[in-house]
Amino acid sequence: MVTVRRVGVLSAFKVGLLVNAILYLVFGALFVVPFVLLGGLSLLDGRGSSQAFATVSLAGSCFMYAAAVAFGAFAGGVMTAIIAALYNLIAGWVGGLEIELAEAGGSEARKREE
């Protein structure tokens, strides 16, 4: 068994930032793309005021999507760093997570059986 006694807060922040950025990019696109497509259809309408509204709507949707990805990634990184700091505090009191590691090919398990 190996015990994880400490987690690097900065490394946790970087991992949390990237994981949340990817999640926001993928799942945010599932919500934004239909609205962008519907807005694009109204551009084909041909009426001036409708086209202006659709253009502003498309630009706003793209801007809000980018802002949500950036904010979500940063907030996820901060939360992951806070959780890592709390883990370090609590691991100091009760010990860390115990993890059993095995070498590739299971040679560790064979050594124990012999």
N, C-alpha and C. Protein backbone atom coordinates (compact mmCIF):
# COMPACT_ATOMS: atom_id res chain seq x y z
N MET A 1 0.83 -1.19 0.00
CA MET A 1 0.00 0.00 0.00
C MET A 1 0.88 1.25 0.00
N VAL A 2 0.45 2.23 -0.73
CA VAL A 2 1.09 3.53 -0.77
C VAL A 2 0.09 4.53 -0.22
N THR A 3 0.57 5.46 0.58
CA THR A 3 -0.32 6.47 1.14
C THR A 3 -0.07 7.81 0.49
N VAL A 4 -1.14 8.42 0.01
CA VAL A 4 -1.06 9.77 -0.55
C VAL A 4 -1.23 10.72 0.62
N ARG A 5 -0.15 11.33 1.04
CA ARG A 5 -0.19 12.22 2.20
C ARG A 5 -0.44 13.67 1.83
N ARG A 6 -0.08 14.04 0.62
CA ARG A 6 -0.19 15.45 0.23
C ARG A 6 -0.45 15.55 -1.26
N VAL A 7 -1.28 16.51 -1.62
CA VAL A 7 -1.58 16.79 -3.02
C VAL A 7 -1.09 18.21 -3.32
N GLY A 8 -0.37 18.39 -4.39
CA GLY A 8 0.10 19.73 -4.77
C GLY A 8 -1.09 20.60 -5.16
N VAL A 9 -1.28 21.71 -4.46
CA VAL A 9 -2.44 22.57 -4.69
C VAL A 9 -2.38 23.20 -6.08
N LEU A 10 -1.20 23.66 -6.50
CA LEU A 10 -1.07 24.26 -7.83
C LEU A 10 -1.31 23.23 -8.93
N SER A 11 -0.80 22.02 -8.76
CA SER A 11 -1.04 20.99 -9.77
C SER A 11 -2.51 20.60 -9.81
N ALA A 12 -3.17 20.57 -8.64
CA ALA A 12 -4.61 20.29 -8.59
C ALA A 12 -5.38 21.39 -9.31
N PHE A 13 -4.95 22.66 -9.13
CA PHE A 13 -5.60 23.78 -9.82
C PHE A 13 -5.48 23.61 -11.33
N LYS A 14 -4.29 23.27 -11.83
CA LYS A 14 -4.08 23.13 -13.27
C LYS A 14 -4.94 22.00 -13.84
N VAL A 15 -4.97 20.88 -13.14
CA VAL A 15 -5.76 19.75 -13.61
C VAL A 15 -7.25 20.10 -13.58
N GLY A 16 -7.70 20.70 -12.48
CA GLY A 16 -9.11 21.10 -12.37
C GLY A 16 -9.50 22.11 -13.43
N LEU A 17 -8.61 23.05 -13.73
CA LEU A 17 -8.87 24.05 -14.75
C LEU A 17 -9.06 23.39 -16.11
N LEU A 18 -8.16 22.49 -16.47
CA LEU A 18 -8.25 21.85 -17.79
C LEU A 18 -9.43 20.89 -17.89
N VAL A 19 -9.69 20.13 -16.84
CA VAL A 19 -10.83 19.21 -16.86
C VAL A 19 -12.13 19.99 -17.02
N ASN A 20 -12.29 21.06 -16.26
CA ASN A 20 -13.52 21.85 -16.35
C ASN A 20 -13.61 22.59 -17.68
N ALA A 21 -12.51 23.04 -18.23
CA ALA A 21 -12.54 23.69 -19.54
C ALA A 21 -13.04 22.72 -20.60
N ILE A 22 -12.55 21.49 -20.56
CA ILE A 22 -13.00 20.48 -21.54
C ILE A 22 -14.47 20.17 -21.34
N LEU A 23 -14.89 20.01 -20.09
CA LEU A 23 -16.30 19.71 -19.83
C LEU A 23 -17.21 20.85 -20.30
N TYR A 24 -16.82 22.10 -20.02
CA TYR A 24 -17.62 23.23 -20.47
C TYR A 24 -17.63 23.35 -21.98
N LEU A 25 -16.50 23.07 -22.63
CA LEU A 25 -16.46 23.12 -24.10
C LEU A 25 -17.41 22.10 -24.71
N VAL A 26 -17.37 20.87 -24.21
CA VAL A 26 -18.17 19.80 -24.79
C VAL A 26 -19.65 19.97 -24.45
N PHE A 27 -19.96 20.06 -23.16
CA PHE A 27 -21.36 20.10 -22.77
C PHE A 27 -22.00 21.46 -23.03
N GLY A 28 -21.21 22.52 -22.99
CA GLY A 28 -21.73 23.84 -23.34
C GLY A 28 -22.12 23.89 -24.80
N ALA A 29 -21.33 23.24 -25.65
CA ALA A 29 -21.64 23.21 -27.08
C ALA A 29 -22.98 22.52 -27.34
N LEU A 30 -23.31 21.54 -26.53
CA LEU A 30 -24.59 20.85 -26.70
C LEU A 30 -25.78 21.79 -26.51
N PHE A 31 -25.59 22.83 -25.69
CA PHE A 31 -26.66 23.78 -25.45
C PHE A 31 -26.58 24.99 -26.38
N VAL A 32 -25.39 25.38 -26.78
CA VAL A 32 -25.22 26.59 -27.58
C VAL A 32 -25.47 26.33 -29.07
N VAL A 33 -24.99 25.22 -29.59
CA VAL A 33 -25.09 24.96 -31.03
C VAL A 33 -26.53 25.01 -31.54
N PRO A 34 -27.52 24.42 -30.87
CA PRO A 34 -28.89 24.54 -31.39
C PRO A 34 -29.37 25.99 -31.47
N PHE A 35 -29.03 26.81 -30.49
CA PHE A 35 -29.44 28.21 -30.53
C PHE A 35 -28.74 28.96 -31.66
N VAL A 36 -27.47 28.66 -31.88
CA VAL A 36 -26.73 29.31 -32.96
C VAL A 36 -27.33 28.90 -34.31
N LEU A 37 -27.67 27.63 -34.45
CA LEU A 37 -28.28 27.18 -35.70
C LEU A 37 -29.64 27.83 -35.93
N LEU A 38 -30.44 27.92 -34.90
CA LEU A 38 -31.74 28.58 -35.03
C LEU A 38 -31.57 30.06 -35.34
N GLY A 39 -30.59 30.70 -34.74
CA GLY A 39 -30.31 32.10 -35.04
C GLY A 39 -29.85 32.28 -36.47
N GLY A 40 -29.08 31.34 -36.96
CA GLY A 40 -28.63 31.38 -38.35
C GLY A 40 -29.78 31.23 -39.32
N LEU A 41 -30.78 30.45 -38.97
CA LEU A 41 -31.96 30.31 -39.82
C LEU A 41 -32.71 31.62 -39.95
N SER A 42 -32.78 32.38 -38.87
CA SER A 42 -33.50 33.64 -38.95
C SER A 42 -32.72 34.67 -39.75
N LEU A 43 -31.42 34.46 -39.97
CA LEU A 43 -30.66 35.34 -40.86
C LEU A 43 -31.12 35.17 -42.31
N LEU A 44 -31.61 33.99 -42.60
CA LEU A 44 -32.07 33.71 -43.96
C LEU A 44 -33.44 34.30 -44.24
N ASP A 45 -34.08 34.85 -43.22
CA ASP A 45 -35.43 35.39 -43.33
C ASP A 45 -35.50 36.53 -44.34
N GLY A 46 -34.51 37.43 -44.33
CA GLY A 46 -34.47 38.50 -45.29
C GLY A 46 -34.99 39.83 -44.78
N ARG A 47 -35.66 39.87 -43.64
CA ARG A 47 -36.15 41.14 -43.09
C ARG A 47 -35.03 41.81 -42.32
N GLY A 48 -34.87 43.13 -42.49
CA GLY A 48 -33.76 43.87 -41.91
C GLY A 48 -33.68 43.79 -40.40
N SER A 49 -34.78 44.06 -39.71
CA SER A 49 -34.74 44.07 -38.24
C SER A 49 -34.52 42.66 -37.70
N SER A 50 -35.07 41.70 -38.38
CA SER A 50 -34.90 40.31 -37.96
C SER A 50 -33.45 39.88 -38.14
N GLN A 51 -32.83 40.32 -39.22
CA GLN A 51 -31.43 39.97 -39.46
C GLN A 51 -30.51 40.63 -38.44
N ALA A 52 -30.80 41.87 -38.10
CA ALA A 52 -29.98 42.56 -37.11
C ALA A 52 -30.08 41.86 -35.76
N PHE A 53 -31.30 41.49 -35.38
CA PHE A 53 -31.50 40.80 -34.11
C PHE A 53 -30.79 39.44 -34.12
N ALA A 54 -30.89 38.73 -35.23
CA ALA A 54 -30.25 37.41 -35.32
C ALA A 54 -28.73 37.54 -35.25
N THR A 55 -28.18 38.57 -35.89
CA THR A 55 -26.74 38.77 -35.86
C THR A 55 -26.25 39.06 -34.45
N VAL A 56 -26.96 39.96 -33.77
CA VAL A 56 -26.59 40.28 -32.39
C VAL A 56 -26.77 39.06 -31.50
N SER A 57 -27.81 38.30 -31.74
CA SER A 57 -28.07 37.10 -30.94
C SER A 57 -26.96 36.06 -31.14
N LEU A 58 -26.54 35.87 -32.38
CA LEU A 58 -25.45 34.92 -32.64
C LEU A 58 -24.15 35.37 -31.99
N ALA A 59 -23.84 36.66 -32.14
CA ALA A 59 -22.61 37.18 -31.54
C ALA A 59 -22.67 37.06 -30.02
N GLY A 60 -23.81 37.38 -29.43
CA GLY A 60 -23.98 37.27 -27.98
C GLY A 60 -23.86 35.84 -27.50
N SER A 61 -24.44 34.92 -28.25
CA SER A 61 -24.36 33.50 -27.87
C SER A 61 -22.91 33.01 -27.89
N CYS A 62 -22.18 33.38 -28.92
CA CYS A 62 -20.78 32.96 -29.01
C CYS A 62 -19.95 33.59 -27.89
N PHE A 63 -20.18 34.87 -27.61
CA PHE A 63 -19.45 35.54 -26.54
C PHE A 63 -19.77 34.90 -25.18
N MET A 64 -21.04 34.64 -24.92
CA MET A 64 -21.43 34.05 -23.63
C MET A 64 -20.88 32.63 -23.49
N TYR A 65 -20.83 31.89 -24.59
CA TYR A 65 -20.25 30.55 -24.56
C TYR A 65 -18.78 30.62 -24.18
N ALA A 66 -18.03 31.51 -24.82
CA ALA A 66 -16.61 31.67 -24.51
C ALA A 66 -16.41 32.13 -23.07
N ALA A 67 -17.24 33.06 -22.62
CA ALA A 67 -17.13 33.55 -21.24
C ALA A 67 -17.46 32.45 -20.25
N ALA A 68 -18.47 31.64 -20.55
CA ALA A 68 -18.84 30.54 -19.65
C ALA A 68 -17.73 29.50 -19.56
N VAL A 69 -17.09 29.20 -20.69
CA VAL A 69 -15.98 28.24 -20.68
C VAL A 69 -14.84 28.79 -19.83
N ALA A 70 -14.49 30.05 -20.03
CA ALA A 70 -13.37 30.65 -19.27
C ALA A 70 -13.70 30.71 -17.78
N PHE A 71 -14.89 31.19 -17.44
CA PHE A 71 -15.26 31.30 -16.03
C PHE A 71 -15.39 29.92 -15.39
N GLY A 72 -16.02 28.99 -16.09
CA GLY A 72 -16.19 27.64 -15.56
C GLY A 72 -14.87 26.94 -15.34
N ALA A 73 -13.94 27.13 -16.27
CA ALA A 73 -12.62 26.52 -16.13
C ALA A 73 -11.90 27.10 -14.91
N PHE A 74 -11.92 28.42 -14.78
CA PHE A 74 -11.24 29.06 -13.65
C PHE A 74 -11.89 28.66 -12.33
N ALA A 75 -13.22 28.68 -12.27
CA ALA A 75 -13.92 28.31 -11.04
C ALA A 75 -13.66 26.85 -10.69
N GLY A 76 -13.62 25.98 -11.69
CA GLY A 76 -13.31 24.58 -11.43
C GLY A 76 -11.89 24.39 -10.92
N GLY A 77 -10.95 25.16 -11.46
CA GLY A 77 -9.58 25.10 -10.97
C GLY A 77 -9.47 25.56 -9.53
N VAL A 78 -10.16 26.65 -9.20
CA VAL A 78 -10.14 27.16 -7.83
C VAL A 78 -10.75 26.15 -6.87
N MET A 79 -11.89 25.58 -7.25
CA MET A 79 -12.54 24.60 -6.37
C MET A 79 -11.65 23.36 -6.18
N THR A 80 -11.00 22.91 -7.24
CA THR A 80 -10.11 21.76 -7.11
C THR A 80 -8.93 22.08 -6.20
N ALA A 81 -8.40 23.30 -6.29
CA ALA A 81 -7.30 23.71 -5.41
C ALA A 81 -7.76 23.76 -3.96
N ILE A 82 -8.97 24.27 -3.72
CA ILE A 82 -9.52 24.32 -2.36
C ILE A 82 -9.69 22.90 -1.81
N ILE A 83 -10.21 22.01 -2.64
CA ILE A 83 -10.39 20.61 -2.20
C ILE A 83 -9.04 19.98 -1.90
N ALA A 84 -8.01 20.26 -2.73
CA ALA A 84 -6.68 19.71 -2.47
C ALA A 84 -6.12 20.24 -1.16
N ALA A 85 -6.31 21.53 -0.89
CA ALA A 85 -5.83 22.10 0.38
C ALA A 85 -6.56 21.48 1.57
N LEU A 86 -7.86 21.28 1.44
CA LEU A 86 -8.62 20.63 2.52
C LEU A 86 -8.17 19.18 2.71
N TYR A 87 -7.90 18.50 1.59
CA TYR A 87 -7.40 17.13 1.68
C TYR A 87 -6.09 17.10 2.45
N ASN A 88 -5.18 18.04 2.12
CA ASN A 88 -3.89 18.08 2.81
C ASN A 88 -4.07 18.31 4.31
N LEU A 89 -5.00 19.17 4.67
CA LEU A 89 -5.27 19.45 6.08
C LEU A 89 -5.80 18.21 6.79
N ILE A 90 -6.78 17.58 6.20
CA ILE A 90 -7.41 16.41 6.83
C ILE A 90 -6.46 15.21 6.81
N ALA A 91 -5.67 15.05 5.74
CA ALA A 91 -4.71 13.95 5.68
C ALA A 91 -3.66 14.10 6.77
N GLY A 92 -3.37 15.34 7.16
CA GLY A 92 -2.44 15.56 8.28
C GLY A 92 -3.01 15.08 9.60
N TRP A 93 -4.32 15.09 9.74
CA TRP A 93 -4.97 14.64 10.97
C TRP A 93 -5.16 13.14 11.01
N VAL A 94 -5.66 12.56 9.92
CA VAL A 94 -6.06 11.15 9.94
C VAL A 94 -5.23 10.26 9.02
N GLY A 95 -4.24 10.83 8.36
CA GLY A 95 -3.47 10.06 7.38
C GLY A 95 -4.10 10.27 6.02
N GLY A 96 -3.43 9.78 5.00
CA GLY A 96 -3.92 10.00 3.64
C GLY A 96 -4.66 8.80 3.10
N LEU A 97 -5.00 8.88 1.83
CA LEU A 97 -5.63 7.76 1.15
C LEU A 97 -4.62 6.64 0.96
N GLU A 98 -5.03 5.44 1.23
CA GLU A 98 -4.16 4.30 0.98
C GLU A 98 -4.52 3.72 -0.37
N ILE A 99 -3.51 3.60 -1.22
CA ILE A 99 -3.71 3.11 -2.58
C ILE A 99 -2.77 1.94 -2.81
N GLU A 100 -3.29 0.88 -3.38
CA GLU A 100 -2.46 -0.27 -3.73
C GLU A 100 -2.07 -0.14 -5.19
N LEU A 101 -0.77 -0.14 -5.45
CA LEU A 101 -0.26 -0.02 -6.80
C LEU A 101 0.34 -1.35 -7.24
N ALA A 102 0.18 -1.67 -8.51
CA ALA A 102 0.76 -2.89 -9.06
C ALA A 102 1.58 -2.53 -10.28
N GLU A 103 2.65 -3.26 -10.50
CA GLU A 103 3.46 -3.05 -11.70
C GLU A 103 2.72 -3.59 -12.91
N ALA A 104 3.07 -3.10 -14.06
CA ALA A 104 2.46 -3.59 -15.30
C ALA A 104 2.76 -5.06 -15.46
N GLY A 105 1.78 -5.83 -15.84
CA GLY A 105 1.96 -7.26 -16.01
C GLY A 105 1.69 -8.06 -14.75
N GLY A 106 1.43 -7.41 -13.64
CA GLY A 106 1.07 -8.09 -12.41
C GLY A 106 2.22 -8.78 -11.72
N SER A 107 3.46 -8.38 -11.93
CA SER A 107 4.60 -9.05 -11.31
C SER A 107 4.57 -8.89 -9.79
N GLU A 108 4.00 -7.81 -9.30
CA GLU A 108 3.90 -7.58 -7.85
C GLU A 108 3.00 -8.63 -7.20
N ALA A 109 1.89 -8.94 -7.86
CA ALA A 109 0.97 -9.96 -7.33
C ALA A 109 1.63 -11.32 -7.32
N ARG A 110 2.42 -11.63 -8.33
CA ARG A 110 3.10 -12.93 -8.38
C ARG A 110 4.15 -13.03 -7.27
N LYS A 111 4.84 -11.93 -6.95
CA LYS A 111 5.85 -11.95 -5.90
C LYS A 111 5.20 -12.25 -4.55
N ARG A 112 4.01 -11.70 -4.30
CA ARG A 112 3.34 -11.93 -3.03
C ARG A 112 2.87 -13.37 -2.88
N GLU A 113 2.46 -13.98 -4.01
CA GLU A 113 1.97 -15.37 -3.95
C GLU A 113 3.09 -16.35 -3.67
N GLU A 114 4.32 -16.01 -4.05
CA GLU A 114 5.45 -16.97 -3.90
C GLU A 114 5.96 -17.01 -2.52
